[in-house]
PDB file of N, CA and C in Angstrom:
ATOM      1  N   UNK A   1     142.778 178.473  83.023  1.00  0.00           N
ATOM      2  CA  UNK A   1     143.649 177.967  83.933  1.00  0.00           C
ATOM      3  C   UNK A   1     144.891 178.739  84.173  1.00  0.00           C
ATOM      4  N   UNK A   2     145.162 179.169  85.328  1.00  0.00           N
ATOM      5  CA  UNK A   2     146.416 180.185  85.632  1.00  0.00           C
ATOM      6  C   UNK A   2     147.844 179.608  85.329  1.00  0.00           C
ATOM      7  N   UNK A   3     148.074 178.494  85.581  1.00  0.00           N
ATOM      8  CA  UNK A   3     149.334 177.924  85.136  1.00  0.00           C
ATOM      9  C   UNK A   3     149.339 177.451  83.594  1.00  0.00           C
ATOM     10  N   UNK A   4     150.171 178.021  82.739  1.00  0.00           N
ATOM     11  CA  UNK A   4     150.486 177.861  81.493  1.00  0.00           C
ATOM     12  C   UNK A   4     151.644 176.802  81.395  1.00  0.00           C
ATOM     13  N   UNK A   5     151.575 175.897  80.381  1.00  0.00           N
ATOM     14  CA  UNK A   5     152.865 174.937  80.036  1.00  0.00           C
ATOM     15  C   UNK A   5     153.239 175.519  78.730  1.00  0.00           C
ATOM     16  N   UNK A   6     154.459 176.005  78.601  1.00  0.00           N
ATOM     17  CA  UNK A   6     155.039 176.631  77.470  1.00  0.00           C
ATOM     18  C   UNK A   6     156.091 175.252  76.845  1.00  0.00           C
ATOM     19  N   UNK A   7     155.448 174.358  77.077  1.00  0.00           N
ATOM     20  CA  UNK A   7     156.441 173.046  76.578  1.00  0.00           C
ATOM     21  C   UNK A   7     156.668 173.265  74.842  1.00  0.00           C
ATOM     22  N   UNK A   8     155.693 173.576  74.241  1.00  0.00           N
ATOM     23  CA  UNK A   8     155.675 173.659  72.788  1.00  0.00           C
ATOM     24  C   UNK A   8     156.630 174.757  72.427  1.00  0.00           C
ATOM     25  N   UNK A   9     156.777 175.807  73.206  1.00  0.00           N
ATOM     26  CA  UNK A   9     158.017 176.961  72.936  1.00  0.00           C
ATOM     27  C   UNK A   9     159.252 176.269  72.972  1.00  0.00           C
ATOM     28  N   UNK A  10     159.522 175.578  74.115  1.00  0.00           N
ATOM     29  CA  UNK A  10     160.925 175.089  74.344  1.00  0.00           C
ATOM     30  C   UNK A  10     161.405 174.063  73.429  1.00  0.00           C
ATOM     31  N   UNK A  11     160.247 173.286  72.880  1.00  0.00           N
ATOM     32  CA  UNK A  11     160.542 172.327  71.951  1.00  0.00           C
ATOM     33  C   UNK A  11     160.966 172.921  70.498  1.00  0.00           C
ATOM     34  N   UNK A  12     160.202 174.001  70.259  1.00  0.00           N
ATOM     35  CA  UNK A  12     160.642 174.532  69.298  1.00  0.00           C
ATOM     36  C   UNK A  12     161.938 175.365  69.080  1.00  0.00           C
ATOM     37  N   UNK A  13     162.235 175.977  70.316  1.00  0.00           N
ATOM     38  CA  UNK A  13     163.805 176.444  70.368  1.00  0.00           C
ATOM     39  C   UNK A  13     164.687 175.151  70.332  1.00  0.00           C
ATOM     40  N   UNK A  14     164.399 174.271  71.046  1.00  0.00           N
ATOM     41  CA  UNK A  14     165.417 173.120  71.079  1.00  0.00           C
ATOM     42  C   UNK A  14     165.291 172.322  69.537  1.00  0.00           C
ATOM     43  N   UNK A  15     164.522 172.333  68.921  1.00  0.00           N
ATOM     44  CA  UNK A  15     164.039 171.725  67.718  1.00  0.00           C
ATOM     45  C   UNK A  15     164.039 170.196  67.690  1.00  0.00           C
ATOM     46  N   UNK A  16     163.162 169.925  68.775  1.00  0.00           N
ATOM     47  CA  UNK A  16     162.774 168.425  69.217  1.00  0.00           C
ATOM     48  C   UNK A  16     161.345 168.298  68.722  1.00  0.00           C
ATOM     49  N   UNK A  17     161.335 166.871  68.216  1.00  0.00           N
ATOM     50  CA  UNK A  17     159.782 166.616  67.885  1.00  0.00           C
ATOM     51  C   UNK A  17     159.079 165.992  69.208  1.00  0.00           C
ATOM     52  N   UNK A  18     158.030 165.928  69.307  1.00  0.00           N
ATOM     53  CA  UNK A  18     157.145 165.334  70.162  1.00  0.00           C
ATOM     54  C   UNK A  18     157.439 163.849  70.581  1.00  0.00           C
ATOM     55  N   UNK A  19     157.437 163.086  69.371  1.00  0.00           N
ATOM     56  CA  UNK A  19     157.915 161.746  69.520  1.00  0.00           C
ATOM     57  C   UNK A  19     159.159 161.445  70.097  1.00  0.00           C
ATOM     58  N   UNK A  20     160.235 162.122  69.673  1.00  0.00           N
ATOM     59  CA  UNK A  20     161.693 162.172  70.201  1.00  0.00           C
ATOM     60  C   UNK A  20     161.641 162.510  71.529  1.00  0.00           C
ATOM     61  N   UNK A  21     160.820 163.435  71.882  1.00  0.00           N
ATOM     62  CA  UNK A  21     160.944 164.087  73.554  1.00  0.00           C
ATOM     63  C   UNK A  21     160.294 163.122  74.359  1.00  0.00           C
ATOM     64  N   UNK A  22     158.975 162.538  73.836  1.00  0.00           N
ATOM     65  CA  UNK A  22     158.447 161.376  74.681  1.00  0.00           C
ATOM     66  C   UNK A  22     159.393 160.346  75.079  1.00  0.00           C
ATOM     67  N   UNK A  23     159.881 159.975  74.014  1.00  0.00           N
ATOM     68  CA  UNK A  23     160.821 158.838  74.077  1.00  0.00           C
ATOM     69  C   UNK A  23     162.045 158.924  75.010  1.00  0.00           C
ATOM     70  N   UNK A  24     162.648 160.043  74.824  1.00  0.00           N
ATOM     71  CA  UNK A  24     163.655 160.495  75.790  1.00  0.00           C
ATOM     72  C   UNK A  24     163.284 160.679  77.153  1.00  0.00           C
ATOM     73  N   UNK A  25     162.135 161.191  77.577  1.00  0.00           N
ATOM     74  CA  UNK A  25     161.514 161.430  78.802  1.00  0.00           C
ATOM     75  C   UNK A  25     161.062 160.174  79.443  1.00  0.00           C
ATOM     76  N   UNK A  26     160.627 159.280  78.559  1.00  0.00           N
ATOM     77  CA  UNK A  26     159.811 157.990  79.235  1.00  0.00           C
ATOM     78  C   UNK A  26     158.579 157.948  79.461  1.00  0.00           C
ATOM     79  N   UNK A  27     157.524 159.006  78.646  1.00  0.00           N
ATOM     80  CA  UNK A  27     156.383 159.003  78.931  1.00  0.00           C
ATOM     81  C   UNK A  27     155.563 158.812  77.432  1.00  0.00           C
ATOM     82  N   UNK A  28     154.585 158.567  77.293  1.00  0.00           N
ATOM     83  CA  UNK A  28     153.768 158.298  76.104  1.00  0.00           C
ATOM     84  C   UNK A  28     153.587 159.470  75.368  1.00  0.00           C
ATOM     85  N   UNK A  29     153.574 159.408  73.965  1.00  0.00           N
ATOM     86  CA  UNK A  29     153.214 160.626  73.177  1.00  0.00           C
ATOM     87  C   UNK A  29     151.989 161.181  73.740  1.00  0.00           C
ATOM     88  N   UNK A  30     150.699 160.394  73.862  1.00  0.00           N
ATOM     89  CA  UNK A  30     149.616 161.002  74.393  1.00  0.00           C
ATOM     90  C   UNK A  30     149.710 161.892  75.726  1.00  0.00           C
ATOM     91  N   UNK A  31     150.647 161.555  76.571  1.00  0.00           N
ATOM     92  CA  UNK A  31     150.684 162.164  77.974  1.00  0.00           C
ATOM     93  C   UNK A  31     151.563 163.647  77.440  1.00  0.00           C
ATOM     94  N   UNK A  32     152.330 163.379  76.759  1.00  0.00           N
ATOM     95  CA  UNK A  32     153.196 164.530  76.272  1.00  0.00           C
ATOM     96  C   UNK A  32     152.125 165.529  75.671  1.00  0.00           C
ATOM     97  N   UNK A  33     151.147 165.203  74.743  1.00  0.00           N
ATOM     98  CA  UNK A  33     150.315 165.946  74.333  1.00  0.00           C
ATOM     99  C   UNK A  33     149.487 166.716  75.123  1.00  0.00           C
ATOM    100  N   UNK A  34     149.127 165.813  76.026  1.00  0.00           N
ATOM    101  CA  UNK A  34     148.075 166.456  77.389  1.00  0.00           C
ATOM    102  C   UNK A  34     148.939 167.578  78.068  1.00  0.00           C
ATOM    103  N   UNK A  35     150.240 167.301  78.555  1.00  0.00           N
ATOM    104  CA  UNK A  35     151.040 168.381  79.104  1.00  0.00           C
ATOM    105  C   UNK A  35     151.138 169.760  78.078  1.00  0.00           C
ATOM    106  N   UNK A  36     151.607 169.216  76.735  1.00  0.00           N
ATOM    107  CA  UNK A  36     151.878 170.393  75.803  1.00  0.00           C
ATOM    108  C   UNK A  36     150.563 171.272  75.717  1.00  0.00           C
ATOM    109  N   UNK A  37     149.520 170.610  75.536  1.00  0.00           N
ATOM    110  CA  UNK A  37     148.086 171.335  75.396  1.00  0.00           C
ATOM    111  C   UNK A  37     147.548 171.981  76.412  1.00  0.00           C
ATOM    112  N   UNK A  38     148.017 171.905  77.532  1.00  0.00           N
ATOM    113  CA  UNK A  38     147.742 172.582  78.830  1.00  0.00           C
ATOM    114  C   UNK A  38     146.368 171.830  79.287  1.00  0.00           C
ATOM    115  N   UNK A  39     146.304 170.506  79.187  1.00  0.00           N
ATOM    116  CA  UNK A  39     145.127 169.835  79.671  1.00  0.00           C
ATOM    117  C   UNK A  39     145.402 169.008  81.027  1.00  0.00           C
ATOM    118  N   UNK A  40     146.661 168.971  81.240  1.00  0.00           N
ATOM    119  CA  UNK A  40     147.066 168.270  82.436  1.00  0.00           C
ATOM    120  C   UNK A  40     146.624 168.798  83.761  1.00  0.00           C
ATOM    121  N   UNK A  41     146.180 168.104  84.554  1.00  0.00           N
ATOM    122  CA  UNK A  41     145.916 168.358  85.927  1.00  0.00           C
ATOM    123  C   UNK A  41     147.018 168.596  87.039  1.00  0.00           C
ATOM    124  N   UNK A  42     147.921 167.559  86.791  1.00  0.00           N
ATOM    125  CA  UNK A  42     149.105 167.688  87.428  1.00  0.00           C
ATOM    126  C   UNK A  42     150.463 167.128  86.728  1.00  0.00           C
ATOM    127  N   UNK A  43     151.563 167.235  87.373  1.00  0.00           N
ATOM    128  CA  UNK A  43     152.628 166.824  86.693  1.00  0.00           C
ATOM    129  C   UNK A  43     153.688 166.211  87.559  1.00  0.00           C
ATOM    130  N   UNK A  44     154.302 164.977  87.734  1.00  0.00           N
ATOM    131  CA  UNK A  44     155.236 164.523  88.471  1.00  0.00           C
ATOM    132  C   UNK A  44     156.474 165.429  88.565  1.00  0.00           C
ATOM    133  N   UNK A  45     157.057 165.604  89.578  1.00  0.00           N
ATOM    134  CA  UNK A  45     158.480 166.308  89.704  1.00  0.00           C
ATOM    135  C   UNK A  45     159.407 165.417  88.689  1.00  0.00           C
ATOM    136  N   UNK A  46     159.296 163.975  88.844  1.00  0.00           N
ATOM    137  CA  UNK A  46     160.208 163.130  87.915  1.00  0.00           C
ATOM    138  C   UNK A  46     160.238 163.421  86.637  1.00  0.00           C
ATOM    139  N   UNK A  47     158.792 163.602  85.834  1.00  0.00           N
ATOM    140  CA  UNK A  47     158.638 163.961  84.633  1.00  0.00           C
ATOM    141  C   UNK A  47     159.243 165.460  84.397  1.00  0.00           C
ATOM    142  N   UNK A  48     158.903 166.377  85.340  1.00  0.00           N
ATOM    143  CA  UNK A  48     159.406 167.771  85.077  1.00  0.00           C
ATOM    144  C   UNK A  48     161.033 167.806  84.872  1.00  0.00           C
ATOM    145  N   UNK A  49     161.480 166.914  85.808  1.00  0.00           N
ATOM    146  CA  UNK A  49     163.059 166.836  86.038  1.00  0.00           C
ATOM    147  C   UNK A  49     163.477 166.273  84.587  1.00  0.00           C
ATOM    148  N   UNK A  50     162.875 165.201  83.910  1.00  0.00           N
ATOM    149  CA  UNK A  50     163.398 164.708  82.601  1.00  0.00           C
ATOM    150  C   UNK A  50     163.210 165.729  81.491  1.00  0.00           C
ATOM    151  N   UNK A  51     161.931 166.438  81.778  1.00  0.00           N
ATOM    152  CA  UNK A  51     161.610 167.275  80.474  1.00  0.00           C
ATOM    153  C   UNK A  51     162.816 168.300  80.670  1.00  0.00           C
ATOM    154  N   UNK A  52     163.028 168.947  81.924  1.00  0.00           N
ATOM    155  CA  UNK A  52     164.095 170.002  82.050  1.00  0.00           C
ATOM    156  C   UNK A  52     165.678 169.499  81.485  1.00  0.00           C
ATOM    157  N   UNK A  53     165.867 168.227  81.956  1.00  0.00           N
ATOM    158  CA  UNK A  53     167.120 167.622  81.503  1.00  0.00           C
ATOM    159  C   UNK A  53     166.990 167.712  80.016  1.00  0.00           C
ATOM    160  N   UNK A  54     166.270 166.966  79.377  1.00  0.00           N
ATOM    161  CA  UNK A  54     166.337 166.989  77.947  1.00  0.00           C
ATOM    162  C   UNK A  54     165.959 168.059  77.060  1.00  0.00           C
ATOM    163  N   UNK A  55     165.408 169.119  77.611  1.00  0.00           N
ATOM    164  CA  UNK A  55     165.372 170.375  77.015  1.00  0.00           C
ATOM    165  C   UNK A  55     166.378 171.472  77.263  1.00  0.00           C
ATOM    166  N   UNK A  56     167.195 171.058  78.409  1.00  0.00           N
ATOM    167  CA  UNK A  56     168.184 171.836  79.056  1.00  0.00           C
ATOM    168  C   UNK A  56     167.684 173.180  79.381  1.00  0.00           C
ATOM    169  N   UNK A  57     166.731 173.471  80.517  1.00  0.00           N
ATOM    170  CA  UNK A  57     166.059 174.336  80.713  1.00  0.00           C
ATOM    171  C   UNK A  57     165.713 174.045  82.232  1.00  0.00           C
ATOM    172  N   UNK A  58     165.088 175.467  82.740  1.00  0.00           N
ATOM    173  CA  UNK A  58     164.466 175.253  84.218  1.00  0.00           C
ATOM    174  C   UNK A  58     163.046 175.140  84.050  1.00  0.00           C
ATOM    175  N   UNK A  59     162.495 174.599  85.479  1.00  0.00           N
ATOM    176  CA  UNK A  59     161.089 174.529  85.321  1.00  0.00           C
ATOM    177  C   UNK A  59     160.349 175.627  85.036  1.00  0.00           C
ATOM    178  N   UNK A  60     160.890 176.884  85.230  1.00  0.00           N
ATOM    179  CA  UNK A  60     160.191 178.090  85.075  1.00  0.00           C
ATOM    180  C   UNK A  60     160.270 178.532  83.632  1.00  0.00           C
ATOM    181  N   UNK A  61     160.909 177.946  82.642  1.00  0.00           N
ATOM    182  CA  UNK A  61     160.963 177.921  81.590  1.00  0.00           C
ATOM    183  C   UNK A  61     159.716 177.297  80.809  1.00  0.00           C
ATOM    184  N   UNK A  62     159.108 176.240  81.493  1.00  0.00           N
ATOM    185  CA  UNK A  62     158.155 175.638  81.094  1.00  0.00           C
ATOM    186  C   UNK A  62     156.956 175.821  81.668  1.00  0.00           C
ATOM    187  N   UNK A  63     156.866 176.347  82.884  1.00  0.00           N
ATOM    188  CA  UNK A  63     155.490 176.696  83.484  1.00  0.00           C
ATOM    189  C   UNK A  63     155.556 178.237  83.882  1.00  0.00           C
ATOM    190  N   UNK A  64     154.394 178.620  83.502  1.00  0.00           N
ATOM    191  CA  UNK A  64     154.226 180.101  83.815  1.00  0.00           C
ATOM    192  C   UNK A  64     152.776 180.529  84.472  1.00  0.00           C
ATOM    193  N   UNK A  65     152.792 181.198  85.296  1.00  0.00           N
ATOM    194  CA  UNK A  65     151.490 181.751  86.219  1.00  0.00           C
ATOM    195  C   UNK A  65     151.224 182.852  85.366  1.00  0.00           C
ATOM    196  N   UNK A  66     149.769 182.762  84.874  1.00  0.00           N
ATOM    197  CA  UNK A  66     149.144 183.835  84.141  1.00  0.00           C
ATOM    198  C   UNK A  66     147.984 184.284  84.970  1.00  0.00           C
ATOM    199  N   UNK A  67     147.714 185.308  85.604  1.00  0.00           N
ATOM    200  CA  UNK A  67     146.534 185.627  86.426  1.00  0.00           C
ATOM    201  C   UNK A  67     145.213 185.802  85.569  1.00  0.00           C
ATOM    202  N   UNK A  68     144.266 185.239  86.353  1.00  0.00           N
ATOM    203  CA  UNK A  68     143.005 185.337  85.275  1.00  0.00           C
ATOM    204  C   UNK A  68     142.386 186.564  85.671  1.00  0.00           C
ATOM    205  N   UNK A  69     141.671 187.216  84.616  1.00  0.00           N
ATOM    206  CA  UNK A  69     141.003 188.394  85.001  1.00  0.00           C
ATOM    207  C   UNK A  69     139.744 188.287  85.656  1.00  0.00           C
TER     208      UNK A  69
END
């Protein structure tokens, strides 16, 4: 998939656990795991906004386009 979610990188930089982030954002740990492991087919802008707010980052810090060969 050409869109890569770098959520784990930002979580490590901010030293926040998946459980804490899921609680702060208001999503289940299972849904956060789906995002973190690049298994999500879509993400709501409200979820993306909450992630950016809690991680103090921009959407481009979380999402990356990687061209497939």
